[in-house]
Structure formats: C-alpha cells, structure tokens
C-alpha atoms as a PDB file:
ATOM      1  CA  MET A   1       7.869  -6.135   8.493  1.00  0.00           C
ATOM      2  CA  THR A   2       9.372  -5.360   5.127  1.00  0.00           C
ATOM      3  CA  ALA A   3      12.880  -5.879   3.787  1.00  0.00           C
ATOM      4  CA  LYS A   4      13.491  -2.154   4.348  1.00  0.00           C
ATOM      5  CA  ASP A   5      12.595  -2.525   8.031  1.00  0.00           C
ATOM      6  CA  LEU A   6      14.792  -5.620   8.207  1.00  0.00           C
ATOM      7  CA  SER A   7      17.779  -3.686   6.891  1.00  0.00           C
ATOM      8  CA  LYS A   8      17.356  -1.189   9.754  1.00  0.00           C
ATOM      9  CA  THR A   9      17.873  -3.998  12.290  1.00  0.00           C
ATOM     10  CA  GLY A  10      21.258  -4.844  10.799  1.00  0.00           C
ATOM     11  CA  LEU A  11      20.170  -8.389   9.920  1.00  0.00           C
ATOM     12  CA  GLY A  12      19.856  -9.514   6.348  1.00  0.00           C
ATOM     13  CA  ILE A  13      17.628 -12.202   4.881  1.00  0.00           C
ATOM     14  CA  PRO A  14      20.466 -14.788   4.855  1.00  0.00           C
ATOM     15  CA  SER A  15      21.242 -14.042   8.522  1.00  0.00           C
ATOM     16  CA  LEU A  16      17.620 -14.593   9.507  1.00  0.00           C
ATOM     17  CA  GLY A  17      17.477 -17.807   7.508  1.00  0.00           C
ATOM     18  CA  ILE A  18      20.557 -19.087   9.340  1.00  0.00           C
ATOM     19  CA  LEU A  19      19.093 -17.979  12.680  1.00  0.00           C
ATOM     20  CA  CYS A  20      15.880 -19.895  11.966  1.00  0.00           C
ATOM     21  CA  ALA A  21      17.854 -23.011  11.005  1.00  0.00           C
ATOM     22  CA  ILE A  22      19.981 -22.830  14.173  1.00  0.00           C
ATOM     23  CA  LEU A  23      16.918 -22.341  16.386  1.00  0.00           C
ATOM     24  CA  MET A  24      15.150 -25.286  14.759  1.00  0.00           C
ATOM     25  CA  ALA A  25      18.232 -27.486  15.306  1.00  0.00           C
ATOM     26  CA  VAL A  26      18.532 -26.427  18.967  1.00  0.00           C
ATOM     27  CA  ILE A  27      14.830 -26.999  19.664  1.00  0.00           C
ATOM     28  CA  PHE A  28      14.929 -30.386  17.930  1.00  0.00           C
ATOM     29  CA  THR A  29      18.037 -31.434  19.910  1.00  0.00           C
ATOM     30  CA  VAL A  30      16.433 -30.413  23.215  1.00  0.00           C
ATOM     31  CA  ASP A  31      13.224 -32.158  22.173  1.00  0.00           C
ATOM     32  CA  LEU A  32      15.124 -35.408  21.589  1.00  0.00           C
ATOM     33  CA  ALA A  33      16.802 -35.142  25.008  1.00  0.00           C
ATOM     34  CA  ILE A  34      13.640 -34.842  27.125  1.00  0.00           C
ATOM     35  CA  PRO A  35      10.765 -37.280  27.672  1.00  0.00           C
ATOM     36  CA  LEU A  36       8.023 -37.569  25.066  1.00  0.00           C
ATOM     37  CA  GLY A  37       5.199 -36.126  27.179  1.00  0.00           C
ATOM     38  CA  VAL A  38       6.606 -32.564  27.216  1.00  0.00           C
ATOM     39  CA  ALA A  39       5.159 -30.236  24.553  1.00  0.00           C
ATOM     40  CA  MET A  40       8.491 -29.266  23.018  1.00  0.00           C
ATOM     41  CA  GLY A  41       6.907 -28.395  19.681  1.00  0.00           C
ATOM     42  CA  VAL A  42       5.587 -25.073  21.003  1.00  0.00           C
ATOM     43  CA  PRO A  43       8.972 -23.233  20.873  1.00  0.00           C
ATOM     44  CA  TYR A  44       8.886 -23.683  17.106  1.00  0.00           C
ATOM     45  CA  VAL A  45       6.244 -20.919  17.074  1.00  0.00           C
ATOM     46  CA  ALA A  46       9.028 -18.443  17.886  1.00  0.00           C
ATOM     47  CA  VAL A  47      10.966 -19.641  14.831  1.00  0.00           C
ATOM     48  CA  VAL A  48       7.886 -19.148  12.643  1.00  0.00           C
ATOM     49  CA  LEU A  49       7.390 -15.627  14.009  1.00  0.00           C
ATOM     50  CA  ILE A  50      11.028 -14.762  13.283  1.00  0.00           C
ATOM     51  CA  SER A  51      10.631 -16.142   9.761  1.00  0.00           C
ATOM     52  CA  LEU A  52       7.881 -13.593   9.050  1.00  0.00           C
ATOM     53  CA  TRP A  53      10.689 -11.127   8.248  1.00  0.00           C
ATOM     54  CA  LEU A  54      11.685 -13.434   5.413  1.00  0.00           C
ATOM     55  CA  PRO A  55       9.823 -13.727   2.089  1.00  0.00           C
ATOM     56  CA  ARG A  56       6.436 -15.475   2.188  1.00  0.00           C
ATOM     57  CA  ARG A  57       7.715 -18.726   0.675  1.00  0.00           C
ATOM     58  CA  ALA A  58      10.478 -18.981   3.308  1.00  0.00           C
ATOM     59  CA  THR A  59       7.943 -18.570   6.128  1.00  0.00           C
ATOM     60  CA  ILE A  60       5.821 -21.367   4.676  1.00  0.00           C
ATOM     61  CA  LEU A  61       8.894 -23.619   4.374  1.00  0.00           C
ATOM     62  CA  VAL A  62       9.918 -22.862   7.972  1.00  0.00           C
ATOM     63  CA  ALA A  63       6.404 -23.699   9.216  1.00  0.00           C
ATOM     64  CA  ILE A  64       6.442 -27.001   7.300  1.00  0.00           C
ATOM     65  CA  ALA A  65       9.930 -27.857   8.599  1.00  0.00           C
ATOM     66  CA  CYS A  66       8.913 -27.059  12.189  1.00  0.00           C
ATOM     67  CA  SER A  67       5.815 -29.251  11.855  1.00  0.00           C
ATOM     68  CA  LEU A  68       7.869 -32.146  10.458  1.00  0.00           C
ATOM     69  CA  LEU A  69      10.457 -31.811  13.231  1.00  0.00           C
ATOM     70  CA  THR A  70       7.694 -31.799  15.844  1.00  0.00           C
ATOM     71  CA  PHE A  71       6.291 -35.086  14.588  1.00  0.00           C
ATOM     72  CA  GLY A  72       9.760 -36.449  13.741  1.00  0.00           C
ATOM     73  CA  ALA A  73      10.795 -36.297  17.388  1.00  0.00           C
ATOM     74  CA  TYR A  74       7.529 -38.040  18.337  1.00  0.00           C
ATOM     75  CA  PHE A  75       8.296 -41.032  16.125  1.00  0.00           C
ATOM     76  CA  TYR A  76      11.992 -41.147  17.070  1.00  0.00           C
ATOM     77  CA  LYS A  77      11.556 -41.264  20.866  1.00  0.00           C
ATOM     78  CA  PRO A  78      10.744 -44.385  22.846  1.00  0.00           C
ATOM     79  CA  ALA A  79       7.078 -44.924  23.686  1.00  0.00           C
ATOM     80  CA  VAL A  80       5.557 -43.696  26.951  1.00  0.00           C
ATOM     81  CA  PRO A  81       2.599 -45.227  28.834  1.00  0.00           C
ATOM     82  CA  GLU A  82       0.068 -42.632  27.637  1.00  0.00           C
ATOM     83  CA  MET A  83       0.975 -42.076  23.991  1.00  0.00           C
ATOM     84  CA  TRP A  84      -2.317 -40.333  23.232  1.00  0.00           C
ATOM     85  CA  LYS A  85      -1.330 -37.413  25.503  1.00  0.00           C
ATOM     86  CA  ALA A  86       1.998 -37.068  23.718  1.00  0.00           C
ATOM     87  CA  LEU A  87       0.242 -37.197  20.345  1.00  0.00           C
ATOM     88  CA  CYS A  88      -2.251 -34.531  21.497  1.00  0.00           C
ATOM     89  CA  ASN A  89       0.623 -32.306  22.680  1.00  0.00           C
ATOM     90  CA  ARG A  90       2.390 -32.663  19.336  1.00  0.00           C
ATOM     91  CA  SER A  91      -0.830 -32.034  17.399  1.00  0.00           C
ATOM     92  CA  LEU A  92      -1.540 -28.885  19.417  1.00  0.00           C
ATOM     93  CA  ALA A  93       2.016 -27.683  18.799  1.00  0.00           C
ATOM     94  CA  VAL A  94       1.638 -28.212  15.038  1.00  0.00           C
ATOM     95  CA  PHE A  95      -1.725 -26.414  15.181  1.00  0.00           C
ATOM     96  CA  ALA A  96      -0.057 -23.455  16.958  1.00  0.00           C
ATOM     97  CA  ILE A  97       2.725 -23.425  14.354  1.00  0.00           C
ATOM     98  CA  CYS A  98       0.256 -23.408  11.443  1.00  0.00           C
ATOM     99  CA  VAL A  99      -2.002 -20.758  13.000  1.00  0.00           C
ATOM    100  CA  SER A 100       0.995 -18.532  13.778  1.00  0.00           C
ATOM    101  CA  ALA A 101       2.261 -18.846  10.224  1.00  0.00           C
ATOM    102  CA  GLY A 102      -1.173 -18.236   8.685  1.00  0.00           C
ATOM    103  CA  LEU A 103      -2.083 -15.235  10.828  1.00  0.00           C
ATOM    104  CA  GLY A 104       1.420 -13.810  10.560  1.00  0.00           C
ATOM    105  CA  LEU A 105       1.397 -14.025   6.765  1.00  0.00           C
ATOM    106  CA  GLN A 106      -2.067 -12.492   6.634  1.00  0.00           C
ATOM    107  CA  ARG A 107      -0.936  -9.611   8.832  1.00  0.00           C
ATOM    108  CA  LYS A 108       2.224  -9.185   6.759  1.00  0.00           C
ATOM    109  CA  LYS A 109       0.173  -8.992   3.560  1.00  0.00           C
ATOM    110  CA  ALA A 110      -2.176  -6.420   5.111  1.00  0.00           C
ATOM    111  CA  GLU A 111       0.816  -4.320   6.210  1.00  0.00           C
ATOM    112  CA  GLU A 112       2.331  -4.475   2.725  1.00  0.00           C
ATOM    113  CA  GLN A 113      -0.984  -3.401   1.170  1.00  0.00           C
ATOM    114  CA  ARG A 114      -1.291  -0.562   3.692  1.00  0.00           C
ATOM    115  CA  GLU A 115       2.248   0.608   2.945  1.00  0.00           C
ATOM    116  CA  GLU A 116       1.594   0.430  -0.803  1.00  0.00           C
ATOM    117  CA  ALA A 117      -1.601   2.467  -0.402  1.00  0.00           C
ATOM    118  CA  PHE A 118       0.310   4.996   1.715  1.00  0.00           C
ATOM    119  CA  ARG A 119       3.048   5.285  -0.928  1.00  0.00           C
ATOM    120  CA  GLU A 120       0.441   5.794  -3.656  1.00  0.00           C
ATOM    121  CA  LYS A 121      -1.286   8.441  -1.539  1.00  0.00           C
ATOM    122  CA  GLU A 122       2.024  10.224  -0.910  1.00  0.00           C
ATOM    123  CA  LYS A 123       2.785  10.122  -4.631  1.00  0.00           C
ATOM    124  CA  ALA A 124      -0.662  11.508  -5.473  1.00  0.00           C
ATOM    125  CA  MET A 125      -0.297  14.241  -2.859  1.00  0.00           C
ATOM    126  CA  GLY A 126       3.073  15.168  -4.336  1.00  0.00           C
ATOM    127  CA  GLU A 127       1.520  15.517  -7.779  1.00  0.00           C
ATOM    128  CA  LEU A 128      -1.560  17.372  -6.573  1.00  0.00           C
ATOM    129  CA  ARG A 129      -1.430  21.116  -6.950  1.00  0.00           C
ATOM    130  CA  ILE A 130      -4.345  23.143  -5.616  1.00  0.00           C
ATOM    131  CA  LEU A 131      -4.986  26.859  -5.864  1.00  0.00           C
ATOM    132  CA  ARG A 132      -6.035  28.282  -2.508  1.00  0.00           C
ATOM    133  CA  GLY A 133      -6.712  31.665  -1.023  1.00  0.00           C
ATOM    134  CA  LEU A 134      -7.479  34.971  -2.704  1.00  0.00           C
ATOM    135  CA  LEU A 135      -6.051  35.643  -6.145  1.00  0.00           C
ATOM    136  CA  PRO A 136      -5.515  39.321  -6.985  1.00  0.00           C
ATOM    137  CA  ILE A 137      -6.870  39.709 -10.517  1.00  0.00           C
ATOM    138  CA  CYS A 138      -7.060  42.757 -12.774  1.00  0.00           C
ATOM    139  CA  ALA A 139     -10.681  43.726 -13.379  1.00  0.00           C
ATOM    140  CA  SER A 140      -9.894  44.848 -16.919  1.00  0.00           C
ATOM    141  CA  CYS A 141      -7.388  42.463 -18.523  1.00  0.00           C
ATOM    142  CA  LYS A 142      -7.904  39.547 -16.077  1.00  0.00           C
ATOM    143  CA  LYS A 143      -4.173  39.136 -15.362  1.00  0.00           C
ATOM    144  CA  ILE A 144      -3.274  37.661 -11.970  1.00  0.00           C
ATOM    145  CA  LYS A 145      -0.707  39.165  -9.616  1.00  0.00           C
ATOM    146  CA  THR A 146       1.953  36.639  -8.531  1.00  0.00           C
ATOM    147  CA  ASP A 147       3.608  36.422  -5.112  1.00  0.00           C
ATOM    148  CA  GLN A 148       6.606  38.254  -6.615  1.00  0.00           C
ATOM    149  CA  GLY A 149       4.412  41.174  -7.713  1.00  0.00           C
ATOM    150  CA  ASP A 150       4.417  40.359 -11.442  1.00  0.00           C
ATOM    151  CA  TRP A 151       1.191  40.318 -13.443  1.00  0.00           C
ATOM    152  CA  ARG A 152       0.698  37.198 -15.555  1.00  0.00           C
ATOM    153  CA  GLN A 153      -2.017  36.077 -17.915  1.00  0.00           C
ATOM    154  CA  MET A 154      -4.679  34.111 -16.083  1.00  0.00           C
ATOM    155  CA  GLU A 155      -4.217  31.073 -18.313  1.00  0.00           C
ATOM    156  CA  VAL A 156      -0.465  30.948 -17.689  1.00  0.00           C
ATOM    157  CA  TYR A 157      -0.853  31.418 -13.934  1.00  0.00           C
ATOM    158  CA  ILE A 158      -3.486  28.709 -13.565  1.00  0.00           C
ATOM    159  CA  ARG A 159      -1.534  26.321 -15.806  1.00  0.00           C
ATOM    160  CA  ASP A 160       1.613  26.833 -13.687  1.00  0.00           C
ATOM    161  CA  HIS A 161      -0.203  26.394 -10.370  1.00  0.00           C
ATOM    162  CA  SER A 162      -2.584  23.538 -11.166  1.00  0.00           C
ATOM    163  CA  GLU A 163      -3.135  20.613 -13.479  1.00  0.00           C
ATOM    164  CA  ALA A 164      -5.590  22.596 -15.614  1.00  0.00           C
ATOM    165  CA  GLU A 165      -4.946  23.404 -19.269  1.00  0.00           C
ATOM    166  CA  PHE A 166      -6.877  25.874 -21.374  1.00  0.00           C
ATOM    167  CA  SER A 167      -8.490  25.629 -24.777  1.00  0.00           C
ATOM    168  CA  HIS A 168     -10.009  28.800 -26.136  1.00  0.00           C
ATOM    169  CA  GLY A 169     -13.381  29.217 -27.741  1.00  0.00           C
ATOM    170  CA  ILE A 170     -16.155  31.796 -27.910  1.00  0.00           C
ATOM    171  CA  CYS A 171     -19.375  31.578 -25.942  1.00  0.00           C
ATOM    172  CA  PRO A 172     -22.683  32.157 -27.829  1.00  0.00           C
ATOM    173  CA  GLU A 173     -23.230  35.648 -26.361  1.00  0.00           C
ATOM    174  CA  CYS A 174     -19.763  36.856 -27.372  1.00  0.00           C
ATOM    175  CA  MET A 175     -20.183  35.247 -30.795  1.00  0.00           C
ATOM    176  CA  LYS A 176     -23.352  37.291 -31.367  1.00  0.00           C
ATOM    177  CA  THR A 177     -21.637  40.463 -30.214  1.00  0.00           C
ATOM    178  CA  LEU A 178     -18.334  40.031 -32.039  1.00  0.00           C
ATOM    179  CA  TYR A 179     -19.363  38.077 -35.142  1.00  0.00           C
ATOM    180  CA  PRO A 180     -23.069  38.611 -35.806  1.00  0.00           C
ATOM    181  CA  GLU A 181     -22.660  37.789 -39.495  1.00  0.00           C
ATOM    182  CA  PHE A 182     -21.697  34.202 -38.619  1.00  0.00           C
ATOM    183  CA  CYS A 183     -24.531  33.633 -36.170  1.00  0.00           C
ATOM    184  CA  LYS A 184     -27.638  31.812 -37.289  1.00  0.00           C
ATOM    185  CA  PRO A 185     -30.836  33.278 -35.941  1.00  0.00           C
ATOM    186  CA  THR A 186     -32.281  31.020 -33.280  1.00  0.00           C
ATOM    187  CA  SER A 187     -35.715  32.630 -32.920  1.00  0.00           C
ATOM    188  CA  ALA A 188     -38.070  35.098 -34.651  1.00  0.00           C
ATOM    189  CA  GLY A 189     -36.880  37.832 -32.266  1.00  0.00           C
ATOM    190  CA  ASP A 190     -33.270  37.286 -33.327  1.00  0.00           C
ATOM    191  CA  VAL A 191     -34.258  37.606 -37.013  1.00  0.00           C
ATOM    192  CA  ALA A 192     -36.107  40.866 -36.314  1.00  0.00           C
ATOM    193  CA  ASN A 193     -33.192  42.248 -34.284  1.00  0.00           C
ATOM    194  CA  ARG A 194     -30.674  41.251 -36.947  1.00  0.00           C
ATOM    195  CA  ASP A 195     -32.675  42.821 -39.792  1.00  0.00           C
ATOM    196  CA  ALA A 196     -33.463  46.005 -37.873  1.00  0.00           C
ATOM    197  CA  PRO A 197     -31.500  49.044 -39.110  1.00  0.00           C
ATOM    198  CA  GLU A 198     -28.768  50.275 -36.805  1.00  0.00           C
ATOM    199  CA  LYS A 199     -29.303  53.687 -35.257  1.00  0.00           C
END
C-alpha cells in the first residue's frame, strides 16, 4: 500500500508508527506475564504487517525490534524444565517475523513498480494521438474535411491530429516532370528521351 492509499484510511505515517510501538509494548508486556513455553513472539507478525504501510526502512526497523523483543523476553524470564522447546518457539517466531517482513517488502516493491508502470502507460496513452476511421479528402487539392465541415490542408490536419510533422521535398518522378533541366540522366534511354525534339 502506498502513502496515497494510507491517506485514504485517515491514518498518517506518524499514527501508524505510534500504533506499531504501542502494539509491540503490549505484546512484550503480555509475553513477560505468561510462562516461557508459550509462543508469544508470533503476534509480532501482525505488527510487521501493519508496518508495511510505513516506508521500507521503518518496516525493517520494526522487524528487527520485534525479533529483539522476542528473544529479550526469553532471556528475561525464569528458566523452565524444557528450555529447548521455548528456544525453538522463539526461533520459529523470529523466523515468521523475518519471512513476513521480507515477503511483505517484496510484494510492496512489486506493487509500487506495477503502479509506476501503470502511471507511465496512462501518461503515454494521454500523449498518444491516433488517426482512425475514414478521412474525407479532396481528390484534386488533397485538403481534408474536418468534423466541423471546414477543409484544411492535409499537412495541417495530420499535424493537429497526430504526432507527425512534415518536411517537403520532391520525388524523382516529379523532379523529372517539373524540373527536367536539373535532372541528370540515369540511363541511355533517359539521354535519348531528353535530347529528342518535342512535338
């Protein structure tokens, strides 16, 4: 979820940071009050998931703090007969915290990239102008009839309705027809045709 989505919920980044801190304190207090064998580190996963609405660095800090609190309670409490079970429970809780943070951050990054790609696509679509349909064009002067009924030069119409620009030149056939004196003969037939008297 992005900061924009967060603003829709009515919570700001400071509010979520405070919420995460309060939840961590409550979970730690409850953890200290119950026997060591209970896997009280697992509720910290909820705090990590809430922190995914915060910036990436804050989520990493929350995951580290939750992991430290999980093991902190383990070392603070009095020993129980089967300490290895308590240590396994705490280790599994820290594993769940780290996996939740890692997968959540990966998903968040993928969502941000998807949203960025969508914004770029929307921007490109907004800039894209395509000519479609039938264009009424004059067979003689090549002007195009607009939707308002005006006739406009083809170059102006296409420039206004697309990204195309025009540069004018003369094709070889028109060059021969319009300016034969500037054309170099390209074959023996062209020389004969050029030197032939006009009728």
